[in-house]
Every structure is written in C-alpha cells, then in structure tokens.
C-alpha cells in the first residue's frame, strides 16, 4: 500500500508562474518531485502524446491533496472545477482540498473548502506550514 502523500496543483495555465512557485517551495521543504503533479510542469505534467483527460483522471483519482490556485472570479474555471469534481468523485481516494485565493473574491464553488488568501510571499509560508505543521 502506498502511504506517501500525492499533491495535485490545479491552476489555469495563465497562472503557471504561481503554480511554479508553489511547486518549487513544496520541493524545497522535502516533498519529492514525483509526488507533486502540475499539468504545466515540463517534467511531471502532460507530455506530448498523452491523452490529456485520461492522464488527469488517473492522477486525480490518486490525489491526497488538491491545491487550487484561484486568481479571479471572472476567469474561466471550468477545467479546474472539473478537476475538483474528479478528485472528489466516486472511485477516488479521499482528497483534501485547499484553495489558494490570490484575490479578494472567494470562489462560490469552494463553499466548505479550506480557503487561504495568499500573496506570492505567502505561498512560501504556506508550503512551509504544509510540510512542517501536523
């Protein structure tokens, strides 16, 4: 049985820079790169020739923690909300969800989910807390 935590970073590709900062900090605090999935990352993400939906479903069904980076309410969040639905759907392992809210808007789809309002600097603190705090 695999008892290692796997993390899925859900983000719009336009927010890749924020996702990269989060991923880098998670790795700095000792979470192995192979335990972090970020679709836009050239090493862990979608590779040329991959069937995107099937690859995402496979990863989401095994995810322990889904971190959604939310940057503004008026953007299209359809893919991120689909990822959230798959991660919490039937046939998946229990998934915790954390929304990094980088705006004043709190996404309605995140009712009942842990929301952390963050700036770029606070991403560093959050990744430290995720790794060091029980």
N, C-alpha and C. Protein backbone atom coordinates (compact mmCIF):
# COMPACT_ATOMS: atom_id res chain seq x y z
N UNK A 1 0.84 -1.19 0.00
CA UNK A 1 0.00 0.00 0.00
C UNK A 1 0.88 1.25 0.00
N UNK A 2 0.53 2.21 -0.82
CA UNK A 2 1.30 3.44 -0.95
C UNK A 2 0.81 4.43 0.09
N UNK A 3 1.67 4.79 1.05
CA UNK A 3 1.24 5.71 2.10
C UNK A 3 1.89 7.09 1.96
N UNK A 4 2.42 7.40 0.80
CA UNK A 4 3.00 8.71 0.55
C UNK A 4 1.94 9.66 0.02
N UNK A 5 2.01 10.89 0.45
CA UNK A 5 1.05 11.91 0.03
C UNK A 5 1.34 12.32 -1.42
N UNK A 6 0.27 12.42 -2.20
CA UNK A 6 0.42 12.97 -3.54
C UNK A 6 -0.37 14.26 -3.62
N UNK A 7 0.22 15.25 -4.26
CA UNK A 7 -0.35 16.59 -4.35
C UNK A 7 -0.62 16.93 -5.81
N UNK A 8 -1.80 17.45 -6.08
CA UNK A 8 -2.19 17.88 -7.41
C UNK A 8 -2.39 19.39 -7.36
N UNK A 9 -1.62 20.13 -8.16
CA UNK A 9 -1.77 21.59 -8.21
C UNK A 9 -2.69 21.91 -9.38
N UNK A 10 -3.88 22.40 -9.07
CA UNK A 10 -4.88 22.76 -10.07
C UNK A 10 -4.78 24.27 -10.31
N UNK A 11 -4.59 24.64 -11.58
CA UNK A 11 -4.43 26.05 -11.91
C UNK A 11 -4.73 26.28 -13.39
N UNK A 12 -5.04 27.52 -13.71
CA UNK A 12 -5.15 27.90 -15.11
C UNK A 12 -3.74 28.03 -15.65
N UNK A 13 -3.52 27.70 -16.90
CA UNK A 13 -2.16 27.77 -17.44
C UNK A 13 -1.61 29.19 -17.41
N UNK A 14 -2.51 30.18 -17.41
CA UNK A 14 -2.07 31.58 -17.29
C UNK A 14 -1.47 31.85 -15.91
N UNK A 15 -1.76 30.99 -14.94
CA UNK A 15 -1.25 31.15 -13.57
C UNK A 15 -0.08 30.21 -13.30
N UNK A 16 0.59 29.79 -14.36
CA UNK A 16 1.71 28.86 -14.24
C UNK A 16 2.80 29.39 -13.32
N UNK A 17 3.06 30.67 -13.35
CA UNK A 17 4.12 31.25 -12.53
C UNK A 17 3.84 31.03 -11.03
N UNK A 18 2.60 31.18 -10.63
CA UNK A 18 2.22 30.96 -9.23
C UNK A 18 2.34 29.46 -8.91
N UNK A 19 1.87 28.62 -9.81
CA UNK A 19 1.96 27.17 -9.61
C UNK A 19 3.42 26.73 -9.51
N UNK A 20 4.29 27.32 -10.35
CA UNK A 20 5.72 27.00 -10.29
C UNK A 20 6.30 27.38 -8.93
N UNK A 21 5.94 28.56 -8.41
CA UNK A 21 6.44 28.99 -7.11
C UNK A 21 5.98 28.03 -6.00
N UNK A 22 4.72 27.63 -6.06
CA UNK A 22 4.20 26.68 -5.08
C UNK A 22 4.95 25.36 -5.16
N UNK A 23 5.08 24.83 -6.35
CA UNK A 23 5.77 23.56 -6.55
C UNK A 23 7.21 23.63 -6.06
N UNK A 24 7.92 24.68 -6.45
CA UNK A 24 9.32 24.83 -6.03
C UNK A 24 9.46 24.85 -4.52
N UNK A 25 8.56 25.54 -3.86
CA UNK A 25 8.63 25.61 -2.40
C UNK A 25 8.27 24.29 -1.75
N UNK A 26 7.31 23.57 -2.30
CA UNK A 26 6.99 22.24 -1.78
C UNK A 26 8.21 21.33 -1.88
N UNK A 27 8.91 21.41 -3.00
CA UNK A 27 10.12 20.60 -3.19
C UNK A 27 11.23 21.02 -2.23
N UNK A 28 11.39 22.34 -2.02
CA UNK A 28 12.40 22.83 -1.09
C UNK A 28 12.17 22.30 0.32
N UNK A 29 10.91 22.10 0.68
CA UNK A 29 10.59 21.60 2.01
C UNK A 29 10.54 20.08 2.07
N UNK A 30 11.04 19.43 1.02
CA UNK A 30 11.26 18.00 1.11
C UNK A 30 10.21 17.10 0.50
N UNK A 31 9.20 17.64 -0.15
CA UNK A 31 8.22 16.78 -0.81
C UNK A 31 8.83 16.36 -2.15
N UNK A 32 8.99 15.06 -2.38
CA UNK A 32 9.62 14.60 -3.62
C UNK A 32 8.85 15.07 -4.86
N UNK A 33 9.60 15.46 -5.87
CA UNK A 33 9.01 15.98 -7.11
C UNK A 33 8.00 15.01 -7.71
N UNK A 34 8.25 13.70 -7.61
CA UNK A 34 7.34 12.72 -8.20
C UNK A 34 6.01 12.63 -7.46
N UNK A 35 5.91 13.26 -6.30
CA UNK A 35 4.66 13.27 -5.52
C UNK A 35 3.82 14.52 -5.82
N UNK A 36 4.34 15.40 -6.67
CA UNK A 36 3.63 16.65 -6.99
C UNK A 36 3.28 16.63 -8.47
N UNK A 37 1.99 16.78 -8.77
CA UNK A 37 1.57 16.86 -10.16
C UNK A 37 1.13 18.28 -10.48
N UNK A 38 1.70 18.81 -11.53
CA UNK A 38 1.35 20.13 -12.04
C UNK A 38 1.31 19.99 -13.55
N UNK A 39 0.14 20.10 -14.13
CA UNK A 39 -0.02 19.82 -15.57
C UNK A 39 0.90 20.65 -16.45
N UNK A 40 1.24 21.86 -16.03
CA UNK A 40 2.06 22.74 -16.84
C UNK A 40 3.56 22.55 -16.61
N UNK A 41 3.93 21.64 -15.72
CA UNK A 41 5.34 21.39 -15.44
C UNK A 41 5.90 20.45 -16.51
N UNK A 42 7.04 20.81 -17.07
CA UNK A 42 7.59 20.04 -18.18
C UNK A 42 8.00 18.62 -17.78
N UNK A 43 8.23 18.35 -16.50
CA UNK A 43 8.66 17.02 -16.07
C UNK A 43 7.51 16.18 -15.53
N UNK A 44 6.66 16.78 -14.70
CA UNK A 44 5.58 16.00 -14.07
C UNK A 44 4.26 16.12 -14.80
N UNK A 45 4.16 17.05 -15.69
CA UNK A 45 2.87 17.36 -16.30
C UNK A 45 2.54 16.52 -17.51
N UNK A 46 1.64 17.02 -18.30
CA UNK A 46 1.19 16.35 -19.51
C UNK A 46 2.34 16.33 -20.51
N UNK A 47 2.63 15.16 -21.03
CA UNK A 47 3.70 15.01 -22.01
C UNK A 47 3.12 14.93 -23.42
N UNK A 48 3.92 15.24 -24.41
CA UNK A 48 3.49 15.13 -25.80
C UNK A 48 3.01 13.71 -26.06
N UNK A 49 1.87 13.57 -26.65
CA UNK A 49 1.31 12.26 -26.96
C UNK A 49 0.39 11.71 -25.89
N UNK A 50 0.40 12.30 -24.68
CA UNK A 50 -0.50 11.84 -23.61
C UNK A 50 -1.94 12.18 -23.97
N UNK A 51 -2.86 11.31 -23.62
CA UNK A 51 -4.28 11.61 -23.74
C UNK A 51 -4.62 12.40 -22.47
N UNK A 52 -4.84 13.69 -22.63
CA UNK A 52 -4.91 14.62 -21.50
C UNK A 52 -5.95 14.21 -20.46
N UNK A 53 -7.18 14.01 -20.88
CA UNK A 53 -8.24 13.70 -19.91
C UNK A 53 -7.95 12.42 -19.13
N UNK A 54 -7.54 11.38 -19.83
CA UNK A 54 -7.26 10.10 -19.16
C UNK A 54 -6.10 10.25 -18.18
N UNK A 55 -5.08 10.99 -18.57
CA UNK A 55 -3.92 11.21 -17.70
C UNK A 55 -4.35 11.97 -16.43
N UNK A 56 -5.15 13.02 -16.61
CA UNK A 56 -5.60 13.80 -15.45
C UNK A 56 -6.49 12.96 -14.53
N UNK A 57 -7.39 12.19 -15.10
CA UNK A 57 -8.27 11.35 -14.28
C UNK A 57 -7.45 10.37 -13.46
N UNK A 58 -6.45 9.76 -14.09
CA UNK A 58 -5.60 8.79 -13.37
C UNK A 58 -4.92 9.46 -12.17
N UNK A 59 -4.36 10.66 -12.39
CA UNK A 59 -3.67 11.37 -11.31
C UNK A 59 -4.64 11.84 -10.23
N UNK A 60 -5.80 12.36 -10.65
CA UNK A 60 -6.77 12.89 -9.69
C UNK A 60 -7.35 11.80 -8.80
N UNK A 61 -7.52 10.61 -9.32
CA UNK A 61 -8.07 9.51 -8.52
C UNK A 61 -7.12 9.06 -7.42
N UNK A 62 -5.84 9.40 -7.54
CA UNK A 62 -4.83 9.00 -6.56
C UNK A 62 -4.38 10.16 -5.67
N UNK A 63 -5.01 11.32 -5.83
CA UNK A 63 -4.56 12.52 -5.14
C UNK A 63 -5.02 12.56 -3.69
N UNK A 64 -4.09 12.91 -2.80
CA UNK A 64 -4.40 13.11 -1.39
C UNK A 64 -4.79 14.56 -1.11
N UNK A 65 -4.11 15.48 -1.78
CA UNK A 65 -4.33 16.91 -1.56
C UNK A 65 -4.39 17.61 -2.90
N UNK A 66 -5.51 18.27 -3.17
CA UNK A 66 -5.66 19.09 -4.37
C UNK A 66 -5.55 20.54 -3.92
N UNK A 67 -4.58 21.25 -4.47
CA UNK A 67 -4.43 22.68 -4.18
C UNK A 67 -4.86 23.44 -5.42
N UNK A 68 -5.95 24.20 -5.29
CA UNK A 68 -6.43 25.01 -6.42
C UNK A 68 -5.94 26.44 -6.24
N UNK A 69 -5.29 26.96 -7.27
CA UNK A 69 -4.84 28.35 -7.28
C UNK A 69 -5.94 29.16 -7.96
N UNK A 70 -6.57 30.05 -7.19
CA UNK A 70 -7.70 30.85 -7.69
C UNK A 70 -7.28 32.30 -7.76
N UNK A 71 -7.29 32.88 -8.97
CA UNK A 71 -6.77 34.24 -9.15
C UNK A 71 -7.81 35.31 -9.43
N UNK A 72 -8.96 34.98 -9.97
CA UNK A 72 -10.00 36.00 -10.20
C UNK A 72 -11.31 35.31 -10.59
N UNK A 73 -12.40 35.82 -10.07
CA UNK A 73 -13.71 35.19 -10.28
C UNK A 73 -14.17 35.25 -11.74
N UNK A 74 -13.75 36.26 -12.49
CA UNK A 74 -14.28 36.42 -13.84
C UNK A 74 -13.52 35.63 -14.91
N UNK A 75 -12.58 34.79 -14.51
CA UNK A 75 -11.88 33.91 -15.47
C UNK A 75 -12.68 32.62 -15.66
N UNK A 76 -12.31 31.86 -16.65
CA UNK A 76 -12.93 30.56 -16.90
C UNK A 76 -12.28 29.51 -16.00
N UNK A 77 -13.06 28.96 -15.09
CA UNK A 77 -12.56 27.95 -14.14
C UNK A 77 -13.12 26.57 -14.44
N UNK A 78 -13.66 26.37 -15.64
CA UNK A 78 -14.33 25.11 -15.95
C UNK A 78 -13.39 23.91 -15.82
N UNK A 79 -12.16 24.02 -16.27
CA UNK A 79 -11.27 22.87 -16.18
C UNK A 79 -10.87 22.58 -14.74
N UNK A 80 -10.59 23.64 -13.97
CA UNK A 80 -10.22 23.45 -12.56
C UNK A 80 -11.39 22.87 -11.77
N UNK A 81 -12.61 23.31 -12.06
CA UNK A 81 -13.75 22.75 -11.34
C UNK A 81 -13.99 21.31 -11.75
N UNK A 82 -13.70 20.97 -13.01
CA UNK A 82 -13.78 19.58 -13.44
C UNK A 82 -12.78 18.74 -12.65
N UNK A 83 -11.54 19.25 -12.51
CA UNK A 83 -10.52 18.53 -11.74
C UNK A 83 -10.97 18.33 -10.29
N UNK A 84 -11.56 19.34 -9.71
CA UNK A 84 -12.07 19.25 -8.34
C UNK A 84 -13.14 18.16 -8.25
N UNK A 85 -14.04 18.12 -9.22
CA UNK A 85 -15.09 17.11 -9.24
C UNK A 85 -14.55 15.70 -9.38
N UNK A 86 -13.57 15.51 -10.25
CA UNK A 86 -12.98 14.18 -10.43
C UNK A 86 -12.27 13.74 -9.15
N UNK A 87 -11.52 14.66 -8.53
CA UNK A 87 -10.78 14.32 -7.31
C UNK A 87 -11.70 13.91 -6.17
N UNK A 88 -12.92 14.40 -6.18
CA UNK A 88 -13.87 14.09 -5.11
C UNK A 88 -14.97 13.13 -5.56
N UNK A 89 -14.83 12.56 -6.73
CA UNK A 89 -15.85 11.68 -7.29
C UNK A 89 -15.77 10.26 -6.78
N UNK A 90 -16.70 9.45 -7.24
CA UNK A 90 -16.71 8.03 -6.90
C UNK A 90 -15.46 7.36 -7.44
N UNK A 91 -14.97 6.38 -6.71
CA UNK A 91 -13.82 5.62 -7.17
C UNK A 91 -12.48 6.29 -6.93
N UNK A 92 -12.47 7.38 -6.16
CA UNK A 92 -11.21 8.05 -5.86
C UNK A 92 -10.90 7.89 -4.38
N UNK A 93 -9.64 8.05 -4.02
CA UNK A 93 -9.29 8.04 -2.61
C UNK A 93 -9.74 9.37 -2.01
N UNK A 94 -9.96 9.42 -0.70
CA UNK A 94 -10.36 10.70 -0.09
C UNK A 94 -9.34 11.79 -0.38
N UNK A 95 -9.83 12.93 -0.82
CA UNK A 95 -8.95 14.03 -1.22
C UNK A 95 -9.26 15.27 -0.40
N UNK A 96 -8.24 15.82 0.22
CA UNK A 96 -8.39 17.12 0.87
C UNK A 96 -8.22 18.19 -0.19
N UNK A 97 -8.91 19.31 0.00
CA UNK A 97 -8.85 20.40 -0.97
C UNK A 97 -8.46 21.68 -0.24
N UNK A 98 -7.52 22.40 -0.83
CA UNK A 98 -7.12 23.71 -0.33
C UNK A 98 -7.18 24.68 -1.49
N UNK A 99 -7.85 25.79 -1.30
CA UNK A 99 -7.93 26.82 -2.33
C UNK A 99 -7.01 27.97 -1.93
N UNK A 100 -6.02 28.24 -2.77
CA UNK A 100 -5.17 29.42 -2.57
C UNK A 100 -5.83 30.57 -3.31
N UNK A 101 -6.44 31.43 -2.57
CA UNK A 101 -7.22 32.52 -3.14
C UNK A 101 -6.32 33.75 -3.26
N UNK A 102 -5.89 34.06 -4.46
CA UNK A 102 -4.97 35.16 -4.72
C UNK A 102 -5.71 36.44 -5.10
N UNK A 103 -6.93 36.59 -4.64
CA UNK A 103 -7.77 37.73 -4.97
C UNK A 103 -8.71 37.99 -3.81
N UNK A 104 -9.41 39.10 -3.86
CA UNK A 104 -10.41 39.40 -2.82
C UNK A 104 -11.64 38.52 -2.97
N UNK A 105 -11.89 38.05 -4.20
CA UNK A 105 -13.05 37.21 -4.46
C UNK A 105 -12.84 35.83 -3.85
N UNK A 106 -13.88 35.31 -3.21
CA UNK A 106 -13.85 33.93 -2.74
C UNK A 106 -14.73 33.14 -3.69
N UNK A 107 -14.18 32.11 -4.32
CA UNK A 107 -14.96 31.37 -5.31
C UNK A 107 -16.14 30.63 -4.68
N UNK A 108 -17.33 30.80 -5.24
CA UNK A 108 -18.53 30.14 -4.73
C UNK A 108 -18.40 28.63 -4.76
N UNK A 109 -17.69 28.11 -5.73
CA UNK A 109 -17.53 26.66 -5.84
C UNK A 109 -16.73 26.08 -4.68
N UNK A 110 -16.11 26.91 -3.88
CA UNK A 110 -15.29 26.45 -2.78
C UNK A 110 -16.02 26.51 -1.44
N UNK A 111 -17.34 26.60 -1.44
CA UNK A 111 -18.08 26.57 -0.18
C UNK A 111 -17.70 25.33 0.60
N UNK A 112 -17.32 25.50 1.84
CA UNK A 112 -16.98 24.37 2.70
C UNK A 112 -15.56 23.87 2.55
N UNK A 113 -14.77 24.52 1.72
CA UNK A 113 -13.39 24.11 1.48
C UNK A 113 -12.47 25.09 2.20
N UNK A 114 -11.34 24.60 2.67
CA UNK A 114 -10.36 25.47 3.30
C UNK A 114 -9.86 26.48 2.29
N UNK A 115 -9.98 27.76 2.64
CA UNK A 115 -9.55 28.83 1.74
C UNK A 115 -8.44 29.60 2.44
N UNK A 116 -7.38 29.82 1.73
CA UNK A 116 -6.28 30.60 2.26
C UNK A 116 -6.03 31.74 1.27
N UNK A 117 -6.24 32.96 1.73
CA UNK A 117 -5.97 34.11 0.87
C UNK A 117 -4.47 34.38 0.93
N UNK A 118 -3.84 34.41 -0.25
CA UNK A 118 -2.38 34.48 -0.28
C UNK A 118 -1.85 35.48 -1.29
N UNK A 119 -0.63 35.89 -1.02
CA UNK A 119 0.17 36.64 -1.98
C UNK A 119 1.32 35.72 -2.38
N UNK A 120 2.15 36.15 -3.30
CA UNK A 120 3.29 35.32 -3.72
C UNK A 120 4.18 34.97 -2.53
N UNK A 121 4.44 35.93 -1.64
CA UNK A 121 5.28 35.66 -0.47
C UNK A 121 4.61 34.67 0.48
N UNK A 122 3.29 34.75 0.58
CA UNK A 122 2.59 33.84 1.48
C UNK A 122 2.59 32.40 0.98
N UNK A 123 2.83 32.20 -0.32
CA UNK A 123 2.95 30.85 -0.85
C UNK A 123 4.11 30.14 -0.16
N UNK A 124 5.21 30.85 0.06
CA UNK A 124 6.36 30.25 0.74
C UNK A 124 5.98 29.81 2.16
N UNK A 125 5.28 30.69 2.87
CA UNK A 125 4.87 30.35 4.23
C UNK A 125 3.90 29.17 4.23
N UNK A 126 2.98 29.16 3.29
CA UNK A 126 2.01 28.06 3.22
C UNK A 126 2.71 26.73 2.98
N UNK A 127 3.66 26.70 2.06
CA UNK A 127 4.34 25.44 1.78
C UNK A 127 5.14 24.98 2.99
N UNK A 128 5.70 25.91 3.74
CA UNK A 128 6.39 25.55 4.97
C UNK A 128 5.39 24.92 5.94
N UNK A 129 4.24 25.57 6.11
CA UNK A 129 3.22 25.06 7.04
C UNK A 129 2.71 23.69 6.60
N UNK A 130 2.52 23.48 5.30
CA UNK A 130 2.05 22.18 4.81
C UNK A 130 3.04 21.08 5.14
N UNK A 131 4.31 21.41 5.10
CA UNK A 131 5.34 20.39 5.31
C UNK A 131 5.68 20.20 6.79
N UNK A 132 5.67 21.27 7.56
CA UNK A 132 6.17 21.22 8.93
C UNK A 132 5.08 21.14 10.01
N UNK A 133 3.85 21.52 9.69
CA UNK A 133 2.79 21.55 10.69
C UNK A 133 1.93 20.31 10.56
N UNK A 134 1.68 19.63 11.70
CA UNK A 134 0.83 18.40 11.61
C UNK A 134 -0.56 18.70 11.08
